[in-house]
Amino acid sequence: MKDKDAKKKDYATKTEINELNNKFDKLLDVLAKKPEDKKEEHPEVKIEQQPTPDSFQNPKWIEAVRKILGSKVGIHIVYSDRGPVKIQISIPEELSNAPEDIWEFYKCDTRTIVLNSGEGSDKIKIGCTKIAHNLGLDKKDLR
């Protein structure tokens, strides 16, 4: 009999497992409940949503791009949650100097100007001037 009792102690009975499961369920219920009183101590904080390209276009930035590169280019402003603002300029195929294989693979010619903290229209003007120089654009091409 002593051998049977020793072997039984190594195993749990169905009743013991059910009791243990019930205790875990009660513990999970207690942990899952959020105290109601804590909500009143902390006022709700509203986080303003960052501007998105659909909701906010800086008119000064768009004017700077249009003034140097003309109205044929597309402008997409990307506001990142982490990192700088990016001005993506889509160059139409008629103005682009990208090779044909780039157009076949990507279907576009996009140039990007990255604005770090504190930079604005001046950085955009410098970037657009470099793009215009790279494209070999004259003032008559920009209309």
C-alpha atoms as a PDB file:
ATOM      1  CA  MET A   1       0.000   0.000   0.000  1.00  0.00           C
ATOM      2  CA  LYS A   2       2.816   2.372   0.654  1.00  0.00           C
ATOM      3  CA  ASP A   3       3.900   2.128  -3.001  1.00  0.00           C
ATOM      4  CA  LYS A   4       0.399   3.076  -4.191  1.00  0.00           C
ATOM      5  CA  ASP A   5       0.223   6.077  -1.828  1.00  0.00           C
ATOM      6  CA  ALA A   6       3.675   7.265  -2.978  1.00  0.00           C
ATOM      7  CA  LYS A   7       2.660   7.020  -6.636  1.00  0.00           C
ATOM      8  CA  LYS A   8      -0.633   8.836  -5.986  1.00  0.00           C
ATOM      9  CA  LYS A   9       1.143  11.848  -4.521  1.00  0.00           C
ATOM     10  CA  ASP A  10       2.953  12.405  -7.824  1.00  0.00           C
ATOM     11  CA  TYR A  11      -0.350  12.958  -9.616  1.00  0.00           C
ATOM     12  CA  ALA A  12      -3.269  15.350  -9.122  1.00  0.00           C
ATOM     13  CA  THR A  13      -6.825  14.170  -9.098  1.00  0.00           C
ATOM     14  CA  LYS A  14      -9.510  15.632 -11.321  1.00  0.00           C
ATOM     15  CA  THR A  15     -11.038  17.355  -8.298  1.00  0.00           C
ATOM     16  CA  GLU A  16      -7.723  18.945  -7.350  1.00  0.00           C
ATOM     17  CA  ILE A  17      -7.207  20.216 -10.923  1.00  0.00           C
ATOM     18  CA  ASN A  18     -10.738  21.664 -11.000  1.00  0.00           C
ATOM     19  CA  GLU A  19     -10.142  23.420  -7.671  1.00  0.00           C
ATOM     20  CA  LEU A  20      -6.882  24.846  -8.983  1.00  0.00           C
ATOM     21  CA  ASN A  21      -8.580  26.028 -12.198  1.00  0.00           C
ATOM     22  CA  ASN A  22     -11.320  27.708 -10.159  1.00  0.00           C
ATOM     23  CA  LYS A  23      -8.715  29.510  -8.072  1.00  0.00           C
ATOM     24  CA  PHE A  24      -6.936  30.714 -11.253  1.00  0.00           C
ATOM     25  CA  ASP A  25     -10.242  31.891 -12.715  1.00  0.00           C
ATOM     26  CA  LYS A  26     -10.977  33.889  -9.544  1.00  0.00           C
ATOM     27  CA  LEU A  27      -7.479  35.362  -9.606  1.00  0.00           C
ATOM     28  CA  LEU A  28      -7.848  36.379 -13.256  1.00  0.00           C
ATOM     29  CA  ASP A  29     -11.223  37.986 -12.507  1.00  0.00           C
ATOM     30  CA  VAL A  30      -9.697  40.017  -9.694  1.00  0.00           C
ATOM     31  CA  LEU A  31      -6.750  41.089 -11.851  1.00  0.00           C
ATOM     32  CA  ALA A  32      -8.938  41.947 -14.835  1.00  0.00           C
ATOM     33  CA  LYS A  33     -11.204  44.298 -12.870  1.00  0.00           C
ATOM     34  CA  LYS A  34     -10.173  47.918 -13.014  1.00  0.00           C
ATOM     35  CA  PRO A  35     -10.864  49.954  -9.928  1.00  0.00           C
ATOM     36  CA  GLU A  36     -13.655  52.453 -10.542  1.00  0.00           C
ATOM     37  CA  ASP A  37     -12.211  54.989  -8.094  1.00  0.00           C
ATOM     38  CA  LYS A  38      -8.940  55.340 -10.021  1.00  0.00           C
ATOM     39  CA  LYS A  39     -10.714  56.827 -13.038  1.00  0.00           C
ATOM     40  CA  GLU A  40     -11.774  59.897 -11.065  1.00  0.00           C
ATOM     41  CA  GLU A  41      -8.238  60.563  -9.844  1.00  0.00           C
ATOM     42  CA  HIS A  42      -6.808  60.884 -13.346  1.00  0.00           C
ATOM     43  CA  PRO A  43      -8.578  63.251 -15.722  1.00  0.00           C
ATOM     44  CA  GLU A  44      -8.901  62.040 -19.276  1.00  0.00           C
ATOM     45  CA  VAL A  45      -6.089  63.264 -21.468  1.00  0.00           C
ATOM     46  CA  LYS A  46      -6.999  64.159 -25.022  1.00  0.00           C
ATOM     47  CA  ILE A  47      -4.242  63.706 -27.547  1.00  0.00           C
ATOM     48  CA  GLU A  48      -4.479  65.924 -30.575  1.00  0.00           C
ATOM     49  CA  GLN A  49      -4.044  64.035 -33.779  1.00  0.00           C
ATOM     50  CA  GLN A  50      -1.062  65.058 -35.856  1.00  0.00           C
ATOM     51  CA  PRO A  51      -1.905  66.716 -39.155  1.00  0.00           C
ATOM     52  CA  THR A  52      -2.116  64.357 -42.094  1.00  0.00           C
ATOM     53  CA  PRO A  53      -1.499  65.141 -45.750  1.00  0.00           C
ATOM     54  CA  ASP A  54      -5.243  64.995 -46.382  1.00  0.00           C
ATOM     55  CA  SER A  55      -6.116  67.383 -43.571  1.00  0.00           C
ATOM     56  CA  PHE A  56      -3.245  69.868 -43.598  1.00  0.00           C
ATOM     57  CA  GLN A  57      -1.207  71.344 -46.417  1.00  0.00           C
ATOM     58  CA  ASN A  58       1.091  74.200 -45.526  1.00  0.00           C
ATOM     59  CA  PRO A  59       0.333  76.845 -48.188  1.00  0.00           C
ATOM     60  CA  LYS A  60       3.768  78.463 -47.852  1.00  0.00           C
ATOM     61  CA  TRP A  61       5.493  75.152 -48.584  1.00  0.00           C
ATOM     62  CA  ILE A  62       3.275  74.447 -51.578  1.00  0.00           C
ATOM     63  CA  GLU A  63       3.854  77.979 -52.889  1.00  0.00           C
ATOM     64  CA  ALA A  64       7.644  77.518 -52.538  1.00  0.00           C
ATOM     65  CA  VAL A  65       7.530  74.298 -54.570  1.00  0.00           C
ATOM     66  CA  ARG A  66       5.223  75.745 -57.233  1.00  0.00           C
ATOM     67  CA  LYS A  67       7.313  78.906 -57.573  1.00  0.00           C
ATOM     68  CA  ILE A  68      10.481  76.954 -58.399  1.00  0.00           C
ATOM     69  CA  LEU A  69       9.218  73.732 -60.029  1.00  0.00           C
ATOM     70  CA  GLY A  70       5.941  74.903 -61.540  1.00  0.00           C
ATOM     71  CA  SER A  71       2.396  73.603 -61.388  1.00  0.00           C
ATOM     72  CA  LYS A  72       2.979  70.321 -63.222  1.00  0.00           C
ATOM     73  CA  VAL A  73       4.641  68.582 -60.271  1.00  0.00           C
ATOM     74  CA  GLY A  74       2.665  66.769 -57.587  1.00  0.00           C
ATOM     75  CA  ILE A  75       3.225  67.519 -53.895  1.00  0.00           C
ATOM     76  CA  HIS A  76       2.633  65.100 -51.046  1.00  0.00           C
ATOM     77  CA  ILE A  77       3.496  66.102 -47.476  1.00  0.00           C
ATOM     78  CA  VAL A  78       4.167  63.165 -45.129  1.00  0.00           C
ATOM     79  CA  TYR A  79       3.857  63.809 -41.405  1.00  0.00           C
ATOM     80  CA  SER A  80       5.597  60.980 -39.555  1.00  0.00           C
ATOM     81  CA  ASP A  81       4.832  60.042 -35.963  1.00  0.00           C
ATOM     82  CA  ARG A  82       8.526  59.570 -35.360  1.00  0.00           C
ATOM     83  CA  GLY A  83      10.854  61.568 -37.479  1.00  0.00           C
ATOM     84  CA  PRO A  84      10.979  64.516 -39.801  1.00  0.00           C
ATOM     85  CA  VAL A  85       8.374  65.874 -42.183  1.00  0.00           C
ATOM     86  CA  LYS A  86       8.957  64.765 -45.780  1.00  0.00           C
ATOM     87  CA  ILE A  87       7.930  66.693 -48.872  1.00  0.00           C
ATOM     88  CA  GLN A  88       7.550  64.214 -51.731  1.00  0.00           C
ATOM     89  CA  ILE A  89       7.558  65.817 -55.150  1.00  0.00           C
ATOM     90  CA  SER A  90       6.251  63.774 -58.060  1.00  0.00           C
ATOM     91  CA  ILE A  91       7.934  64.739 -61.317  1.00  0.00           C
ATOM     92  CA  PRO A  92       5.796  64.153 -64.425  1.00  0.00           C
ATOM     93  CA  GLU A  93       7.321  61.980 -67.132  1.00  0.00           C
ATOM     94  CA  GLU A  94       7.624  64.917 -69.536  1.00  0.00           C
ATOM     95  CA  LEU A  95       9.933  66.782 -67.113  1.00  0.00           C
ATOM     96  CA  SER A  96      11.710  63.756 -65.662  1.00  0.00           C
ATOM     97  CA  ASN A  97      15.252  62.739 -66.452  1.00  0.00           C
ATOM     98  CA  ALA A  98      14.882  59.333 -64.806  1.00  0.00           C
ATOM     99  CA  PRO A  99      15.865  56.359 -67.005  1.00  0.00           C
ATOM    100  CA  GLU A 100      13.143  54.261 -68.644  1.00  0.00           C
ATOM    101  CA  ASP A 101      13.803  51.276 -66.391  1.00  0.00           C
ATOM    102  CA  ILE A 102      12.972  53.426 -63.346  1.00  0.00           C
ATOM    103  CA  TRP A 103       9.653  54.379 -64.946  1.00  0.00           C
ATOM    104  CA  GLU A 104       8.932  50.760 -65.881  1.00  0.00           C
ATOM    105  CA  PHE A 105       9.638  49.482 -62.360  1.00  0.00           C
ATOM    106  CA  TYR A 106       8.430  52.322 -60.089  1.00  0.00           C
ATOM    107  CA  LYS A 107       5.964  53.983 -62.499  1.00  0.00           C
ATOM    108  CA  CYS A 108       6.974  57.394 -61.111  1.00  0.00           C
ATOM    109  CA  ASP A 109       9.826  59.819 -60.465  1.00  0.00           C
ATOM    110  CA  THR A 110       9.622  61.040 -56.883  1.00  0.00           C
ATOM    111  CA  ARG A 111      12.064  63.418 -55.229  1.00  0.00           C
ATOM    112  CA  THR A 112      11.979  63.892 -51.459  1.00  0.00           C
ATOM    113  CA  ILE A 113      12.948  66.887 -49.323  1.00  0.00           C
ATOM    114  CA  VAL A 114      13.338  66.092 -45.616  1.00  0.00           C
ATOM    115  CA  LEU A 115      12.511  68.864 -43.143  1.00  0.00           C
ATOM    116  CA  ASN A 116      14.150  68.494 -39.754  1.00  0.00           C
ATOM    117  CA  SER A 117      13.019  70.404 -36.691  1.00  0.00           C
ATOM    118  CA  GLY A 118      13.086  74.167 -37.231  1.00  0.00           C
ATOM    119  CA  GLU A 119      13.390  73.966 -41.009  1.00  0.00           C
ATOM    120  CA  GLY A 120      10.708  75.213 -43.344  1.00  0.00           C
ATOM    121  CA  SER A 121      10.255  77.164 -46.565  1.00  0.00           C
ATOM    122  CA  ASP A 122      13.946  78.043 -46.899  1.00  0.00           C
ATOM    123  CA  LYS A 123      14.956  74.366 -46.888  1.00  0.00           C
ATOM    124  CA  ILE A 124      12.204  73.591 -49.413  1.00  0.00           C
ATOM    125  CA  LYS A 125      13.408  76.381 -51.730  1.00  0.00           C
ATOM    126  CA  ILE A 126      16.984  75.057 -51.586  1.00  0.00           C
ATOM    127  CA  GLY A 127      15.785  71.502 -52.269  1.00  0.00           C
ATOM    128  CA  CYS A 128      13.540  72.566 -55.153  1.00  0.00           C
ATOM    129  CA  THR A 129      16.358  74.614 -56.681  1.00  0.00           C
ATOM    130  CA  LYS A 130      18.584  71.511 -56.600  1.00  0.00           C
ATOM    131  CA  ILE A 131      15.821  69.419 -58.181  1.00  0.00           C
ATOM    132  CA  ALA A 132      15.252  72.036 -60.916  1.00  0.00           C
ATOM    133  CA  HIS A 133      18.998  72.154 -61.584  1.00  0.00           C
ATOM    134  CA  ASN A 134      19.152  68.341 -61.759  1.00  0.00           C
ATOM    135  CA  LEU A 135      16.223  68.254 -64.159  1.00  0.00           C
ATOM    136  CA  GLY A 136      17.731  71.071 -66.257  1.00  0.00           C
ATOM    137  CA  LEU A 137      14.530  73.097 -66.098  1.00  0.00           C
ATOM    138  CA  ASP A 138      14.222  76.567 -67.567  1.00  0.00           C
ATOM    139  CA  LYS A 139      11.622  79.091 -66.441  1.00  0.00           C
ATOM    140  CA  LYS A 140       9.648  78.478 -69.660  1.00  0.00           C
ATOM    141  CA  ASP A 141       9.436  74.728 -68.874  1.00  0.00           C
ATOM    142  CA  LEU A 142       7.798  75.402 -65.520  1.00  0.00           C
ATOM    143  CA  ARG A 143       4.536  76.938 -66.708  1.00  0.00           C
END
